[in-house]
C-alpha atoms as a PDB file:
ATOM      1  CA  MET A   1      12.307   3.133  15.806  1.00  0.00           C
ATOM      2  CA  SER A   2      10.779   5.135  12.960  1.00  0.00           C
ATOM      3  CA  ASP A   3       7.452   4.151  11.440  1.00  0.00           C
ATOM      4  CA  ASN A   4       9.246   3.067   8.279  1.00  0.00           C
ATOM      5  CA  ALA A   5      11.756   0.919  10.188  1.00  0.00           C
ATOM      6  CA  ALA A   6       8.929  -0.658  12.180  1.00  0.00           C
ATOM      7  CA  ALA A   7       7.030  -1.427   8.963  1.00  0.00           C
ATOM      8  CA  LEU A   8      10.140  -2.942   7.373  1.00  0.00           C
ATOM      9  CA  ALA A   9      10.775  -5.139  10.419  1.00  0.00           C
ATOM     10  CA  HIS A  10       7.136  -6.204  10.622  1.00  0.00           C
ATOM     11  CA  PHE A  11       6.715  -7.206   6.978  1.00  0.00           C
ATOM     12  CA  ALA A  12      10.135  -8.859   6.749  1.00  0.00           C
ATOM     13  CA  ALA A  13       9.298 -10.941   9.829  1.00  0.00           C
ATOM     14  CA  ARG A  14       5.955 -11.991   8.349  1.00  0.00           C
ATOM     15  CA  LEU A  15       7.626 -13.162   5.146  1.00  0.00           C
ATOM     16  CA  ALA A  16      10.269 -15.018   7.155  1.00  0.00           C
ATOM     17  CA  PHE A  17       7.655 -17.007   9.076  1.00  0.00           C
ATOM     18  CA  GLU A  18       4.614 -17.173   6.780  1.00  0.00           C
ATOM     19  CA  THR A  19       4.043 -18.590   3.330  1.00  0.00           C
ATOM     20  CA  ASP A  20       0.964 -18.942   1.170  1.00  0.00           C
ATOM     21  CA  VAL A  21      -0.690 -21.860  -0.580  1.00  0.00           C
ATOM     22  CA  SER A  22       0.594 -20.852  -4.024  1.00  0.00           C
ATOM     23  CA  ASP A  23       4.200 -20.749  -2.836  1.00  0.00           C
ATOM     24  CA  VAL A  24       3.855 -24.101  -1.062  1.00  0.00           C
ATOM     25  CA  ALA A  25       2.272 -25.666  -4.160  1.00  0.00           C
ATOM     26  CA  ALA A  26       5.092 -24.282  -6.327  1.00  0.00           C
ATOM     27  CA  ASP A  27       7.756 -25.665  -3.954  1.00  0.00           C
ATOM     28  CA  LEU A  28       6.103 -29.089  -3.895  1.00  0.00           C
ATOM     29  CA  ALA A  29       5.679 -29.142  -7.701  1.00  0.00           C
ATOM     30  CA  ALA A  30       9.333 -28.165  -8.145  1.00  0.00           C
ATOM     31  CA  GLY A  31      10.452 -30.855  -5.698  1.00  0.00           C
ATOM     32  CA  VAL A  32      12.267 -28.360  -3.477  1.00  0.00           C
ATOM     33  CA  PRO A  33      14.306 -30.583  -1.150  1.00  0.00           C
ATOM     34  CA  GLY A  34      13.652 -30.613   2.563  1.00  0.00           C
ATOM     35  CA  VAL A  35      10.125 -29.172   2.556  1.00  0.00           C
ATOM     36  CA  VAL A  36       7.842 -31.047   4.958  1.00  0.00           C
ATOM     37  CA  VAL A  37       4.199 -29.989   5.020  1.00  0.00           C
ATOM     38  CA  VAL A  38       2.452 -30.769   8.309  1.00  0.00           C
ATOM     39  CA  ASP A  39      -1.322 -31.000   8.750  1.00  0.00           C
ATOM     40  CA  SER A  40      -2.021 -30.192  12.395  1.00  0.00           C
ATOM     41  CA  ARG A  41      -5.763 -31.013  12.312  1.00  0.00           C
ATOM     42  CA  SER A  42      -7.690 -33.909  13.840  1.00  0.00           C
ATOM     43  CA  ARG A  43      -7.922 -37.386  12.300  1.00  0.00           C
ATOM     44  CA  GLU A  44     -11.480 -36.658  11.134  1.00  0.00           C
ATOM     45  CA  SER A  45     -10.334 -33.493   9.383  1.00  0.00           C
ATOM     46  CA  TRP A  46      -7.357 -35.280   7.804  1.00  0.00           C
ATOM     47  CA  ASP A  47      -9.633 -38.044   6.532  1.00  0.00           C
ATOM     48  CA  GLN A  48     -11.965 -35.462   4.991  1.00  0.00           C
ATOM     49  CA  GLY A  49      -9.076 -34.260   2.817  1.00  0.00           C
ATOM     50  CA  HIS A  50      -5.493 -33.060   3.079  1.00  0.00           C
ATOM     51  CA  ILE A  51      -2.549 -31.894   1.009  1.00  0.00           C
ATOM     52  CA  GLU A  52      -1.066 -34.778  -0.929  1.00  0.00           C
ATOM     53  CA  GLY A  53       2.191 -35.847   0.692  1.00  0.00           C
ATOM     54  CA  ALA A  54       1.574 -33.954   3.937  1.00  0.00           C
ATOM     55  CA  VAL A  55       2.436 -35.473   7.299  1.00  0.00           C
ATOM     56  CA  HIS A  56      -0.482 -35.800   9.713  1.00  0.00           C
ATOM     57  CA  LEU A  57       0.701 -34.549  13.081  1.00  0.00           C
ATOM     58  CA  PRO A  58      -1.922 -32.957  15.351  1.00  0.00           C
ATOM     59  CA  THR A  59      -0.564 -30.071  17.398  1.00  0.00           C
ATOM     60  CA  ALA A  60      -0.896 -31.892  20.734  1.00  0.00           C
ATOM     61  CA  GLU A  61       1.396 -34.665  19.393  1.00  0.00           C
ATOM     62  CA  ILE A  62       4.164 -32.522  17.862  1.00  0.00           C
ATOM     63  CA  ALA A  63       6.481 -32.425  20.893  1.00  0.00           C
ATOM     64  CA  ALA A  64       6.424 -36.207  21.292  1.00  0.00           C
ATOM     65  CA  ARG A  65       6.290 -37.369  17.666  1.00  0.00           C
ATOM     66  CA  ALA A  66       7.992 -34.736  15.485  1.00  0.00           C
ATOM     67  CA  PRO A  67      11.578 -35.821  16.203  1.00  0.00           C
ATOM     68  CA  GLY A  68      10.772 -39.310  14.889  1.00  0.00           C
ATOM     69  CA  LEU A  69       8.821 -38.119  11.831  1.00  0.00           C
ATOM     70  CA  VAL A  70      10.365 -34.866  10.644  1.00  0.00           C
ATOM     71  CA  PRO A  71      14.072 -34.481   9.854  1.00  0.00           C
ATOM     72  CA  ARG A  72      15.811 -31.820  11.949  1.00  0.00           C
ATOM     73  CA  ASP A  73      17.017 -29.965   8.843  1.00  0.00           C
ATOM     74  CA  ALA A  74      13.549 -29.844   7.244  1.00  0.00           C
ATOM     75  CA  ALA A  75      11.816 -26.644   6.219  1.00  0.00           C
ATOM     76  CA  VAL A  76       8.524 -27.297   8.010  1.00  0.00           C
ATOM     77  CA  VAL A  77       5.281 -25.733   6.770  1.00  0.00           C
ATOM     78  CA  THR A  78       2.272 -26.062   9.063  1.00  0.00           C
ATOM     79  CA  TYR A  79      -1.371 -25.753   8.109  1.00  0.00           C
ATOM     80  CA  CYS A  80      -4.787 -26.136   9.687  1.00  0.00           C
ATOM     81  CA  TRP A  81      -8.300 -25.386   8.391  1.00  0.00           C
ATOM     82  CA  GLY A  82      -8.095 -21.805   7.217  1.00  0.00           C
ATOM     83  CA  PRO A  83      -7.759 -18.139   8.040  1.00  0.00           C
ATOM     84  CA  GLY A  84     -10.370 -18.355  10.793  1.00  0.00           C
ATOM     85  CA  CYS A  85      -8.282 -20.900  12.704  1.00  0.00           C
ATOM     86  CA  ASN A  86      -5.001 -20.391  14.538  1.00  0.00           C
ATOM     87  CA  GLY A  87      -4.152 -24.099  14.708  1.00  0.00           C
ATOM     88  CA  ALA A  88      -1.300 -23.735  12.219  1.00  0.00           C
ATOM     89  CA  THR A  89       0.129 -20.915  14.325  1.00  0.00           C
ATOM     90  CA  ARG A  90       0.053 -23.101  17.430  1.00  0.00           C
ATOM     91  CA  ALA A  91       1.622 -25.985  15.490  1.00  0.00           C
ATOM     92  CA  ALA A  92       4.360 -23.709  14.148  1.00  0.00           C
ATOM     93  CA  LEU A  93       5.083 -22.559  17.697  1.00  0.00           C
ATOM     94  CA  GLU A  94       5.509 -26.185  18.807  1.00  0.00           C
ATOM     95  CA  PHE A  95       7.992 -26.832  15.975  1.00  0.00           C
ATOM     96  CA  ALA A  96       9.861 -23.628  16.821  1.00  0.00           C
ATOM     97  CA  LYS A  97      10.149 -24.765  20.459  1.00  0.00           C
ATOM     98  CA  LEU A  98      11.829 -27.924  19.160  1.00  0.00           C
ATOM     99  CA  GLY A  99      14.317 -25.875  17.122  1.00  0.00           C
ATOM    100  CA  TYR A 100      12.886 -26.497  13.628  1.00  0.00           C
ATOM    101  CA  ARG A 101      12.841 -23.940  10.829  1.00  0.00           C
ATOM    102  CA  VAL A 102       9.117 -23.417  10.384  1.00  0.00           C
ATOM    103  CA  LYS A 103       6.585 -21.339   8.498  1.00  0.00           C
ATOM    104  CA  GLU A 104       2.826 -21.139   8.780  1.00  0.00           C
ATOM    105  CA  MET A 105       0.855 -21.573   5.552  1.00  0.00           C
ATOM    106  CA  ILE A 106      -1.632 -18.703   5.571  1.00  0.00           C
ATOM    107  CA  GLY A 107      -5.026 -19.569   4.146  1.00  0.00           C
ATOM    108  CA  GLY A 108      -4.718 -23.150   5.359  1.00  0.00           C
ATOM    109  CA  PHE A 109      -6.441 -26.135   3.831  1.00  0.00           C
ATOM    110  CA  GLU A 110      -9.444 -23.993   2.887  1.00  0.00           C
ATOM    111  CA  TYR A 111      -7.473 -21.838   0.467  1.00  0.00           C
ATOM    112  CA  TRP A 112      -5.442 -24.800  -0.757  1.00  0.00           C
ATOM    113  CA  ALA A 113      -8.683 -26.453  -1.889  1.00  0.00           C
ATOM    114  CA  ARG A 114     -10.286 -23.209  -3.097  1.00  0.00           C
ATOM    115  CA  GLU A 115      -7.291 -22.449  -5.321  1.00  0.00           C
ATOM    116  CA  GLY A 116      -7.720 -25.831  -7.005  1.00  0.00           C
ATOM    117  CA  PHE A 117      -4.611 -27.578  -5.705  1.00  0.00           C
ATOM    118  CA  PRO A 118      -4.668 -31.395  -5.307  1.00  0.00           C
ATOM    119  CA  VAL A 119      -6.529 -32.766  -2.297  1.00  0.00           C
ATOM    120  CA  GLU A 120      -5.976 -36.339  -1.125  1.00  0.00           C
ATOM    121  CA  THR A 121      -8.733 -38.435   0.458  1.00  0.00           C
ATOM    122  CA  ALA A 122      -9.218 -42.161   1.033  1.00  0.00           C
ATOM    123  CA  SER A 123     -10.710 -42.377  -2.476  1.00  0.00           C
ATOM    124  CA  GLY A 124      -7.722 -40.764  -4.176  1.00  0.00           C
ATOM    125  CA  VAL A 125      -6.479 -37.370  -5.275  1.00  0.00           C
ATOM    126  CA  THR A 126      -8.901 -34.800  -6.637  1.00  0.00           C
ATOM    127  CA  ARG A 127      -9.030 -31.092  -7.431  1.00  0.00           C
ATOM    128  CA  ARG A 128     -11.879 -28.670  -6.874  1.00  0.00           C
ATOM    129  CA  PRO A 129     -12.630 -25.951  -9.412  1.00  0.00           C
ATOM    130  CA  VAL A 130     -10.711 -22.745  -8.739  1.00  0.00           C
ATOM    131  CA  ASP A 131     -12.741 -20.215  -6.756  1.00  0.00           C
ATOM    132  CA  ALA A 132     -12.592 -16.922  -8.664  1.00  0.00           C
ATOM    133  CA  LEU A 133     -12.513 -15.045  -5.342  1.00  0.00           C
ATOM    134  CA  THR A 134      -9.193 -16.639  -4.366  1.00  0.00           C
ATOM    135  CA  ALA A 135      -7.203 -17.181  -7.580  1.00  0.00           C
ATOM    136  CA  PRO A 136      -7.350 -16.551 -11.324  1.00  0.00           C
ATOM    137  CA  VAL A 137      -9.608 -19.212 -12.881  1.00  0.00           C
ATOM    138  CA  SER A 138      -7.301 -19.249 -15.911  1.00  0.00           C
ATOM    139  CA  GLY A 139      -4.789 -21.206 -13.857  1.00  0.00           C
ATOM    140  CA  ILE A 140      -2.017 -18.673 -14.388  1.00  0.00           C
ATOM    141  CA  ALA A 141      -0.419 -17.221 -11.297  1.00  0.00           C
ATOM    142  CA  CYS A 142      -1.699 -13.943  -9.907  1.00  0.00           C
ATOM    143  CA  ALA A 143       1.899 -12.671 -10.094  1.00  0.00           C
ATOM    144  CA  CYS A 144       1.647 -10.951  -6.721  1.00  0.00           C
END
């Protein structure tokens, strides 16, 4: 395989199985049918804050509980804390073993919050200010 063919295969595979917080937020805002966002973190982490509308399903419970919680035809998006954590990768693997279409949300909850998207806690839904190191503070898309 040539270097170019290897690069094409590599980057196409990444886009097939990874998504980012901006794309997930856009899909949720547009009401794209069948998208199920799964938070694979602990109860304590979930309680600290999570994506509004996400399903809380820790990785260790996916095999047993996913079939009763997540429709088989769903487009599953997994997330964990952030780029320093591979929990979303492990959760995505568990969904793939069960035959689900699944993508990992790169950046995780950290970048979701840092980009100013809605965060749900026991006291309601809130938004943090946009971190200028992660997204344009103007609120317009980076257009990447």
